[in-house]
Amino acid sequence: MKFILICCALFSFTLSAAGKLVQVKDVELEYEIAGIGKTIVLLEGGGSAGLSDWEAVFKQMAQQATVIRYSRAGNGNSTAIKRHFSSADYAAYTSEFLHKLNIKDPVIVVAHSYGGNVARDFALSYPKQIKALLLIDPSSEHDVDIMRAIDLQRANSEIAQIKLDDMANGMSNQYLDFWSKRPLPDYPQIKDMPVTVIASVKTHKKPANLFFSDQARRMWGEMWQQWATNFPQGRTVLTKKSGHYVQFDEPDLVLSELQLLIERSTH
């Protein structure tokens, strides 16, 4: 699927975290809750990510609010899946998951990578369950557009190879979802609420493909700045210090932006 997701696979973490299980529709979802307080934060991990996607910040977040991290169907210790899910499908499970946990108040959704796709669909379809959104180097439906704008022939070649690699196991929900659903929900489809995007614009000495070239990094940052400013309460933070896993490279940045979002969403 997308180039950030391929990068995720290369830098997967060996950390593990065990959580409880709850039945949601036809699957069991693994989850963990920590912290206290009326503000509830839901963590939506990246592609193929389980609870460990949030290991670097989970305990600290729990000092700021009640925090829920979980593994989507097919990830972590949640039920393995044998069919394709779209981000809209995952969002429907997220909504039911919150109902099963008896979460009645709207939550702040913090989403990383492909979790950003799920979060945007969730915000569109279940506006009463969300009050603010923090996207951490989120997936974008325009990654391939950036590559093709730089070098069409090379981009198409690299995209074709990524497709083959990503589909090697016969099923890749993120890849199919990325190619079949463009564009994702945007403002004003998504309601007016506090929205923050943290995007990595870190350059690479030897970029793996066009998506990580210096020009693409600049275009990536500009794209997210434009996206966030469409929201009346939108904010963008660009960082050159972090790679894709901002929550591991700059946990304090994520924690400070979450605190700011909590304050903005409670006034």
C-alpha atoms as a PDB file:
ATOM      1  CA  MET A   1       0.000   0.000   0.000  1.00  0.00           C
ATOM      2  CA  LYS A   2       1.508   3.188   1.017  1.00  0.00           C
ATOM      3  CA  PHE A   3       5.095   4.014   1.478  1.00  0.00           C
ATOM      4  CA  ILE A   4       4.910   4.872   5.148  1.00  0.00           C
ATOM      5  CA  LEU A   5       3.339   1.485   5.785  1.00  0.00           C
ATOM      6  CA  ILE A   6       6.170  -0.254   3.992  1.00  0.00           C
ATOM      7  CA  CYS A   7       8.570   1.713   6.150  1.00  0.00           C
ATOM      8  CA  CYS A   8       6.613   0.622   9.220  1.00  0.00           C
ATOM      9  CA  ALA A   9       7.242  -3.003   8.376  1.00  0.00           C
ATOM     10  CA  LEU A  10      10.955  -2.344   8.146  1.00  0.00           C
ATOM     11  CA  PHE A  11      11.042  -0.717  11.558  1.00  0.00           C
ATOM     12  CA  SER A  12       8.573  -2.909  13.454  1.00  0.00           C
ATOM     13  CA  PHE A  13       9.081  -3.009  17.193  1.00  0.00           C
ATOM     14  CA  THR A  14       9.652  -6.144  19.228  1.00  0.00           C
ATOM     15  CA  LEU A  15       8.006  -4.656  22.302  1.00  0.00           C
ATOM     16  CA  SER A  16       4.918  -6.501  23.436  1.00  0.00           C
ATOM     17  CA  ALA A  17       2.035  -5.600  25.662  1.00  0.00           C
ATOM     18  CA  ALA A  18      -0.733  -7.875  26.897  1.00  0.00           C
ATOM     19  CA  GLY A  19      -4.237  -6.525  27.326  1.00  0.00           C
ATOM     20  CA  LYS A  20      -7.775  -7.644  28.055  1.00  0.00           C
ATOM     21  CA  LEU A  21     -10.136  -8.944  25.378  1.00  0.00           C
ATOM     22  CA  VAL A  22     -13.658  -7.777  24.551  1.00  0.00           C
ATOM     23  CA  GLN A  23     -16.088  -9.220  22.010  1.00  0.00           C
ATOM     24  CA  VAL A  24     -16.912  -6.672  19.290  1.00  0.00           C
ATOM     25  CA  LYS A  25     -19.190  -7.978  16.548  1.00  0.00           C
ATOM     26  CA  ASP A  26     -17.482 -11.100  15.172  1.00  0.00           C
ATOM     27  CA  VAL A  27     -14.014 -10.550  16.692  1.00  0.00           C
ATOM     28  CA  GLU A  28     -12.275 -10.173  20.025  1.00  0.00           C
ATOM     29  CA  LEU A  29     -10.286  -6.973  20.404  1.00  0.00           C
ATOM     30  CA  GLU A  30      -7.291  -6.632  22.691  1.00  0.00           C
ATOM     31  CA  TYR A  31      -7.203  -3.456  24.767  1.00  0.00           C
ATOM     32  CA  GLU A  32      -5.767  -1.737  27.828  1.00  0.00           C
ATOM     33  CA  ILE A  33      -7.108   1.199  29.850  1.00  0.00           C
ATOM     34  CA  ALA A  34      -5.039   3.381  32.181  1.00  0.00           C
ATOM     35  CA  GLY A  35      -5.320   6.754  33.872  1.00  0.00           C
ATOM     36  CA  ILE A  36      -8.128   8.669  35.474  1.00  0.00           C
ATOM     37  CA  GLY A  37     -10.222  11.700  34.654  1.00  0.00           C
ATOM     38  CA  LYS A  38     -13.224  12.707  32.566  1.00  0.00           C
ATOM     39  CA  THR A  39     -11.200  13.242  29.394  1.00  0.00           C
ATOM     40  CA  ILE A  40     -10.948   9.986  27.445  1.00  0.00           C
ATOM     41  CA  VAL A  41      -8.247   9.450  24.837  1.00  0.00           C
ATOM     42  CA  LEU A  42      -8.489   6.623  22.287  1.00  0.00           C
ATOM     43  CA  LEU A  43      -5.248   5.530  20.612  1.00  0.00           C
ATOM     44  CA  GLU A  44      -5.573   4.279  17.023  1.00  0.00           C
ATOM     45  CA  GLY A  45      -2.388   2.494  15.967  1.00  0.00           C
ATOM     46  CA  GLY A  46      -0.709   2.275  12.594  1.00  0.00           C
ATOM     47  CA  GLY A  47      -0.960  -0.443   9.966  1.00  0.00           C
ATOM     48  CA  SER A  48      -0.468  -3.927  11.480  1.00  0.00           C
ATOM     49  CA  ALA A  49       0.266  -2.284  14.845  1.00  0.00           C
ATOM     50  CA  GLY A  50      -0.798  -3.622  18.214  1.00  0.00           C
ATOM     51  CA  LEU A  51      -0.630  -2.127  21.677  1.00  0.00           C
ATOM     52  CA  SER A  52       3.125  -1.617  21.434  1.00  0.00           C
ATOM     53  CA  ASP A  53       2.671   1.196  18.898  1.00  0.00           C
ATOM     54  CA  TRP A  54       2.087   3.396  21.975  1.00  0.00           C
ATOM     55  CA  GLU A  55       4.612   1.914  24.405  1.00  0.00           C
ATOM     56  CA  ALA A  56       6.749   5.060  24.554  1.00  0.00           C
ATOM     57  CA  VAL A  57       3.913   7.392  25.576  1.00  0.00           C
ATOM     58  CA  PHE A  58       1.092   5.306  27.047  1.00  0.00           C
ATOM     59  CA  LYS A  59       1.996   5.644  30.731  1.00  0.00           C
ATOM     60  CA  GLN A  60       2.686   9.363  30.413  1.00  0.00           C
ATOM     61  CA  MET A  61      -0.604   9.917  28.589  1.00  0.00           C
ATOM     62  CA  ALA A  62      -2.347   8.152  31.448  1.00  0.00           C
ATOM     63  CA  GLN A  63      -1.197  10.996  33.691  1.00  0.00           C
ATOM     64  CA  GLN A  64      -3.081  13.411  31.441  1.00  0.00           C
ATOM     65  CA  ALA A  65      -6.364  11.556  30.921  1.00  0.00           C
ATOM     66  CA  THR A  66      -8.086   8.179  30.822  1.00  0.00           C
ATOM     67  CA  VAL A  67      -6.348   6.459  27.917  1.00  0.00           C
ATOM     68  CA  ILE A  68      -7.448   3.447  25.885  1.00  0.00           C
ATOM     69  CA  ARG A  69      -5.136   1.625  23.512  1.00  0.00           C
ATOM     70  CA  TYR A  70      -6.283  -1.356  21.477  1.00  0.00           C
ATOM     71  CA  SER A  71      -5.380  -3.606  18.571  1.00  0.00           C
ATOM     72  CA  ARG A  72      -7.624  -3.559  15.538  1.00  0.00           C
ATOM     73  CA  ALA A  73      -8.951  -6.864  14.189  1.00  0.00           C
ATOM     74  CA  GLY A  74      -6.027  -8.748  12.672  1.00  0.00           C
ATOM     75  CA  ASN A  75      -3.419  -6.956  14.800  1.00  0.00           C
ATOM     76  CA  GLY A  76      -1.702  -7.822  18.074  1.00  0.00           C
ATOM     77  CA  ASN A  77      -3.625 -10.404  20.092  1.00  0.00           C
ATOM     78  CA  SER A  78      -6.963  -9.465  18.543  1.00  0.00           C
ATOM     79  CA  THR A  79      -8.770 -12.000  16.364  1.00  0.00           C
ATOM     80  CA  ALA A  80      -7.015 -12.762  13.090  1.00  0.00           C
ATOM     81  CA  ILE A  81      -9.021 -11.739  10.037  1.00  0.00           C
ATOM     82  CA  LYS A  82      -9.675 -13.590   6.800  1.00  0.00           C
ATOM     83  CA  ARG A  83     -11.394 -10.855   4.841  1.00  0.00           C
ATOM     84  CA  HIS A  84     -10.487  -7.397   3.646  1.00  0.00           C
ATOM     85  CA  PHE A  85     -11.317  -4.434   5.867  1.00  0.00           C
ATOM     86  CA  SER A  86     -11.540  -0.827   4.722  1.00  0.00           C
ATOM     87  CA  SER A  87     -10.797   2.074   7.046  1.00  0.00           C
ATOM     88  CA  ALA A  88     -14.570   2.636   7.197  1.00  0.00           C
ATOM     89  CA  ASP A  89     -15.029  -0.988   8.315  1.00  0.00           C
ATOM     90  CA  TYR A  90     -12.412  -0.531  11.018  1.00  0.00           C
ATOM     91  CA  ALA A  91     -14.113   2.700  12.112  1.00  0.00           C
ATOM     92  CA  ALA A  92     -17.397   0.843  12.575  1.00  0.00           C
ATOM     93  CA  TYR A  93     -15.646  -1.647  14.856  1.00  0.00           C
ATOM     94  CA  THR A  94     -14.059   1.237  16.760  1.00  0.00           C
ATOM     95  CA  SER A  95     -17.479   2.749  17.377  1.00  0.00           C
ATOM     96  CA  GLU A  96     -18.895  -0.537  18.646  1.00  0.00           C
ATOM     97  CA  PHE A  97     -15.747  -1.101  20.730  1.00  0.00           C
ATOM     98  CA  LEU A  98     -16.385   2.153  22.600  1.00  0.00           C
ATOM     99  CA  HIS A  99     -20.003   1.155  23.176  1.00  0.00           C
ATOM    100  CA  LYS A 100     -18.882  -2.206  24.564  1.00  0.00           C
ATOM    101  CA  LEU A 101     -16.607  -0.380  27.024  1.00  0.00           C
ATOM    102  CA  ASN A 102     -19.589   1.797  28.021  1.00  0.00           C
ATOM    103  CA  ILE A 103     -17.811   4.952  26.840  1.00  0.00           C
ATOM    104  CA  LYS A 104     -20.659   7.436  26.484  1.00  0.00           C
ATOM    105  CA  ASP A 105     -18.782  10.741  26.264  1.00  0.00           C
ATOM    106  CA  PRO A 106     -16.979  11.849  23.081  1.00  0.00           C
ATOM    107  CA  VAL A 107     -13.282  10.970  23.006  1.00  0.00           C
ATOM    108  CA  ILE A 108     -10.073  12.508  21.734  1.00  0.00           C
ATOM    109  CA  VAL A 109      -8.715  10.215  19.029  1.00  0.00           C
ATOM    110  CA  VAL A 110      -4.928  10.040  18.691  1.00  0.00           C
ATOM    111  CA  ALA A 111      -3.979   8.178  15.521  1.00  0.00           C
ATOM    112  CA  HIS A 112      -0.669   7.102  14.009  1.00  0.00           C
ATOM    113  CA  SER A 113       0.051   6.286  10.341  1.00  0.00           C
ATOM    114  CA  TYR A 114      -2.747   4.175   8.788  1.00  0.00           C
ATOM    115  CA  GLY A 115      -4.703   4.803  11.986  1.00  0.00           C
ATOM    116  CA  GLY A 116      -5.204   8.282  10.565  1.00  0.00           C
ATOM    117  CA  ASN A 117      -7.316   6.787   7.760  1.00  0.00           C
ATOM    118  CA  VAL A 118      -9.456   4.993  10.328  1.00  0.00           C
ATOM    119  CA  ALA A 119      -9.707   8.115  12.492  1.00  0.00           C
ATOM    120  CA  ARG A 120     -10.892  10.286   9.616  1.00  0.00           C
ATOM    121  CA  ASP A 121     -13.601   7.787   8.687  1.00  0.00           C
ATOM    122  CA  PHE A 122     -14.544   7.497  12.360  1.00  0.00           C
ATOM    123  CA  ALA A 123     -14.833  11.286  12.690  1.00  0.00           C
ATOM    124  CA  LEU A 124     -17.091  11.416   9.636  1.00  0.00           C
ATOM    125  CA  SER A 125     -19.398   8.536  10.498  1.00  0.00           C
ATOM    126  CA  TYR A 126     -19.563   8.861  14.285  1.00  0.00           C
ATOM    127  CA  PRO A 127     -19.297  12.592  15.041  1.00  0.00           C
ATOM    128  CA  LYS A 128     -21.027  12.263  18.423  1.00  0.00           C
ATOM    129  CA  GLN A 129     -18.278   9.941  19.657  1.00  0.00           C
ATOM    130  CA  ILE A 130     -15.325  12.261  18.955  1.00  0.00           C
ATOM    131  CA  LYS A 131     -14.428  15.748  20.184  1.00  0.00           C
ATOM    132  CA  ALA A 132     -10.848  16.249  18.972  1.00  0.00           C
ATOM    133  CA  LEU A 133      -8.300  14.619  16.689  1.00  0.00           C
ATOM    134  CA  LEU A 134      -4.518  14.298  16.867  1.00  0.00           C
ATOM    135  CA  LEU A 135      -2.870  12.727  13.807  1.00  0.00           C
ATOM    136  CA  ILE A 136       0.742  11.569  14.141  1.00  0.00           C
ATOM    137  CA  ASP A 137       2.500  11.306  10.768  1.00  0.00           C
ATOM    138  CA  PRO A 138      -0.749   9.994   9.326  1.00  0.00           C
ATOM    139  CA  SER A 139      -1.323   8.142   6.099  1.00  0.00           C
ATOM    140  CA  SER A 140      -2.399  10.298   3.199  1.00  0.00           C
ATOM    141  CA  GLU A 141      -4.337   9.389   0.093  1.00  0.00           C
ATOM    142  CA  HIS A 142      -2.023  11.727  -1.833  1.00  0.00           C
ATOM    143  CA  ASP A 143       1.327   9.965  -1.312  1.00  0.00           C
ATOM    144  CA  VAL A 144       1.357   8.593  -4.845  1.00  0.00           C
ATOM    145  CA  ASP A 145       0.401  12.011  -6.185  1.00  0.00           C
ATOM    146  CA  ILE A 146       3.483  13.505  -4.562  1.00  0.00           C
ATOM    147  CA  MET A 147       5.736  10.849  -6.085  1.00  0.00           C
ATOM    148  CA  ARG A 148       4.225  11.133  -9.542  1.00  0.00           C
ATOM    149  CA  ALA A 149       4.509  14.911  -9.493  1.00  0.00           C
ATOM    150  CA  ILE A 150       8.272  14.546  -9.001  1.00  0.00           C
ATOM    151  CA  ASP A 151       9.016  11.793 -11.543  1.00  0.00           C
ATOM    152  CA  LEU A 152       6.061  10.002 -13.137  1.00  0.00           C
ATOM    153  CA  GLN A 153       7.949   7.120 -14.744  1.00  0.00           C
ATOM    154  CA  ARG A 154      10.088   6.324 -11.706  1.00  0.00           C
ATOM    155  CA  ALA A 155       7.112   6.731  -9.381  1.00  0.00           C
ATOM    156  CA  ASN A 156       4.969   4.264 -11.307  1.00  0.00           C
ATOM    157  CA  SER A 157       7.811   1.736 -11.265  1.00  0.00           C
ATOM    158  CA  GLU A 158       8.321   2.090  -7.509  1.00  0.00           C
ATOM    159  CA  ILE A 159       4.592   1.974  -6.831  1.00  0.00           C
ATOM    160  CA  ALA A 160       4.227  -1.230  -8.867  1.00  0.00           C
ATOM    161  CA  GLN A 161       7.002  -2.905  -6.865  1.00  0.00           C
ATOM    162  CA  ILE A 162       5.537  -1.768  -3.550  1.00  0.00           C
ATOM    163  CA  LYS A 163       2.205  -3.231  -4.616  1.00  0.00           C
ATOM    164  CA  LEU A 164       3.822  -6.603  -5.343  1.00  0.00           C
ATOM    165  CA  ASP A 165       5.716  -6.586  -2.042  1.00  0.00           C
ATOM    166  CA  ASP A 166       2.698  -5.532  -0.015  1.00  0.00           C
ATOM    167  CA  MET A 167       0.430  -8.188  -1.518  1.00  0.00           C
ATOM    168  CA  ALA A 168       2.986 -10.994  -1.152  1.00  0.00           C
ATOM    169  CA  ASN A 169       0.948 -12.739   1.539  1.00  0.00           C
ATOM    170  CA  GLY A 170      -2.240 -12.635  -0.480  1.00  0.00           C
ATOM    171  CA  MET A 171      -4.074 -10.004   1.555  1.00  0.00           C
ATOM    172  CA  SER A 172      -3.239  -6.467   2.571  1.00  0.00           C
ATOM    173  CA  ASN A 173      -6.131  -4.421   3.860  1.00  0.00           C
ATOM    174  CA  GLN A 174      -4.187  -1.182   3.974  1.00  0.00           C
ATOM    175  CA  TYR A 175      -2.982  -1.429   0.385  1.00  0.00           C
ATOM    176  CA  LEU A 176      -6.403  -2.247  -1.040  1.00  0.00           C
ATOM    177  CA  ASP A 177      -8.060   0.413   1.086  1.00  0.00           C
ATOM    178  CA  PHE A 178      -5.518   3.045   0.068  1.00  0.00           C
ATOM    179  CA  TRP A 179      -5.980   2.457  -3.637  1.00  0.00           C
ATOM    180  CA  SER A 180      -9.747   2.029  -3.610  1.00  0.00           C
ATOM    181  CA  LYS A 181     -10.782   4.924  -1.387  1.00  0.00           C
ATOM    182  CA  ARG A 182      -9.671   8.383  -2.441  1.00  0.00           C
ATOM    183  CA  PRO A 183     -10.166  10.944  -1.140  1.00  0.00           C
ATOM    184  CA  LEU A 184     -10.726  10.306   2.561  1.00  0.00           C
ATOM    185  CA  PRO A 185     -13.219  12.436   4.548  1.00  0.00           C
ATOM    186  CA  ASP A 186     -12.149  16.027   4.982  1.00  0.00           C
ATOM    187  CA  TYR A 187     -13.518  19.270   6.423  1.00  0.00           C
ATOM    188  CA  PRO A 188     -16.379  20.197   6.154  1.00  0.00           C
ATOM    189  CA  GLN A 189     -17.416  16.522   5.930  1.00  0.00           C
ATOM    190  CA  ILE A 190     -15.709  16.123   9.304  1.00  0.00           C
ATOM    191  CA  LYS A 191     -17.253  18.422  11.880  1.00  0.00           C
ATOM    192  CA  ASP A 192     -15.513  21.530  13.209  1.00  0.00           C
ATOM    193  CA  MET A 193     -13.408  20.458  16.183  1.00  0.00           C
ATOM    194  CA  PRO A 194      -9.829  20.874  17.423  1.00  0.00           C
ATOM    195  CA  VAL A 195      -7.526  19.043  14.993  1.00  0.00           C
ATOM    196  CA  THR A 196      -3.731  18.758  15.207  1.00  0.00           C
ATOM    197  CA  VAL A 197      -1.376  17.079  12.739  1.00  0.00           C
ATOM    198  CA  ILE A 198       2.225  16.229  13.660  1.00  0.00           C
ATOM    199  CA  ALA A 199       4.080  15.415  10.436  1.00  0.00           C
ATOM    200  CA  SER A 200       7.670  14.288   9.947  1.00  0.00           C
ATOM    201  CA  VAL A 201       9.600  16.182   7.288  1.00  0.00           C
ATOM    202  CA  LYS A 202      12.927  14.602   8.196  1.00  0.00           C
ATOM    203  CA  THR A 203      15.252  14.246   5.217  1.00  0.00           C
ATOM    204  CA  HIS A 204      17.222  11.098   4.397  1.00  0.00           C
ATOM    205  CA  LYS A 205      20.746  10.762   3.022  1.00  0.00           C
ATOM    206  CA  LYS A 206      19.771   7.666   1.040  1.00  0.00           C
ATOM    207  CA  PRO A 207      15.985   7.758   0.527  1.00  0.00           C
ATOM    208  CA  ALA A 208      14.431   4.341  -0.098  1.00  0.00           C
ATOM    209  CA  ASN A 209      12.172   5.762  -2.802  1.00  0.00           C
ATOM    210  CA  LEU A 210      10.837   9.042  -4.158  1.00  0.00           C
ATOM    211  CA  PHE A 211       8.455   9.434  -1.245  1.00  0.00           C
ATOM    212  CA  PHE A 212      11.405  10.022   1.093  1.00  0.00           C
ATOM    213  CA  SER A 213      13.314  12.385  -1.202  1.00  0.00           C
ATOM    214  CA  ASP A 214      13.932  15.952  -0.025  1.00  0.00           C
ATOM    215  CA  GLN A 215      11.410  17.361  -2.486  1.00  0.00           C
ATOM    216  CA  ALA A 216       8.730  14.889  -1.405  1.00  0.00           C
ATOM    217  CA  ARG A 217       9.375  15.687   2.267  1.00  0.00           C
ATOM    218  CA  ARG A 218       8.745  19.375   1.561  1.00  0.00           C
ATOM    219  CA  MET A 219       5.589  18.597  -0.385  1.00  0.00           C
ATOM    220  CA  TRP A 220       4.422  16.245   2.380  1.00  0.00           C
ATOM    221  CA  GLY A 221       4.744  18.976   5.004  1.00  0.00           C
ATOM    222  CA  GLU A 222       3.020  21.561   2.829  1.00  0.00           C
ATOM    223  CA  MET A 223       0.171  19.145   2.118  1.00  0.00           C
ATOM    224  CA  TRP A 224      -0.549  18.563   5.799  1.00  0.00           C
ATOM    225  CA  GLN A 225      -0.299  22.254   6.578  1.00  0.00           C
ATOM    226  CA  GLN A 226      -2.915  22.970   3.937  1.00  0.00           C
ATOM    227  CA  TRP A 227      -5.103  20.085   5.133  1.00  0.00           C
ATOM    228  CA  ALA A 228      -5.111  21.189   8.771  1.00  0.00           C
ATOM    229  CA  THR A 229      -5.741  24.859   8.020  1.00  0.00           C
ATOM    230  CA  ASN A 230      -9.000  23.883   6.315  1.00  0.00           C
ATOM    231  CA  PHE A 231     -10.301  23.202   9.824  1.00  0.00           C
ATOM    232  CA  PRO A 232     -11.251  26.376  11.727  1.00  0.00           C
ATOM    233  CA  GLN A 233      -9.508  24.844  14.762  1.00  0.00           C
ATOM    234  CA  GLY A 234      -6.693  23.173  12.827  1.00  0.00           C
ATOM    235  CA  ARG A 235      -3.013  23.135  13.794  1.00  0.00           C
ATOM    236  CA  THR A 236       0.085  21.634  12.152  1.00  0.00           C
ATOM    237  CA  VAL A 237       3.450  20.781  13.721  1.00  0.00           C
ATOM    238  CA  LEU A 238       6.267  19.826  11.337  1.00  0.00           C
ATOM    239  CA  THR A 239       9.293  18.068  12.782  1.00  0.00           C
ATOM    240  CA  LYS A 240      12.689  17.286  11.265  1.00  0.00           C
ATOM    241  CA  LYS A 241      13.848  15.408  14.376  1.00  0.00           C
ATOM    242  CA  SER A 242      11.584  12.388  14.020  1.00  0.00           C
ATOM    243  CA  GLY A 243      11.087   9.654  11.502  1.00  0.00           C
ATOM    244  CA  HIS A 244       7.719   8.024  11.003  1.00  0.00           C
ATOM    245  CA  TYR A 245       7.427   6.937  14.650  1.00  0.00           C
ATOM    246  CA  VAL A 246       7.224  10.385  16.194  1.00  0.00           C
ATOM    247  CA  GLN A 247       5.876   8.931  19.443  1.00  0.00           C
ATOM    248  CA  PHE A 248       9.151   7.011  19.874  1.00  0.00           C
ATOM    249  CA  ASP A 249      11.538   9.656  18.521  1.00  0.00           C
ATOM    250  CA  GLU A 250       9.936  12.666  20.207  1.00  0.00           C
ATOM    251  CA  PRO A 251       7.554  11.450  22.907  1.00  0.00           C
ATOM    252  CA  ASP A 252       7.596  14.820  24.665  1.00  0.00           C
ATOM    253  CA  LEU A 253       6.325  16.509  21.504  1.00  0.00           C
ATOM    254  CA  VAL A 254       3.390  14.104  21.286  1.00  0.00           C
ATOM    255  CA  LEU A 255       2.605  14.531  24.986  1.00  0.00           C
ATOM    256  CA  SER A 256       2.729  18.319  24.831  1.00  0.00           C
ATOM    257  CA  GLU A 257       0.497  18.460  21.744  1.00  0.00           C
ATOM    258  CA  LEU A 258      -1.965  16.088  23.389  1.00  0.00           C
ATOM    259  CA  GLN A 259      -2.070  18.277  26.489  1.00  0.00           C
ATOM    260  CA  LEU A 260      -2.722  21.324  24.348  1.00  0.00           C
ATOM    261  CA  LEU A 261      -5.491  19.488  22.523  1.00  0.00           C
ATOM    262  CA  ILE A 262      -7.061  18.404  25.815  1.00  0.00           C
ATOM    263  CA  GLU A 263      -7.106  22.029  26.950  1.00  0.00           C
ATOM    264  CA  ARG A 264      -8.548  23.249  23.640  1.00  0.00           C
ATOM    265  CA  SER A 265     -11.286  20.613  23.614  1.00  0.00           C
ATOM    266  CA  THR A 266     -12.468  21.274  27.170  1.00  0.00           C
ATOM    267  CA  HIS A 267     -12.976  25.028  26.865  1.00  0.00           C
END
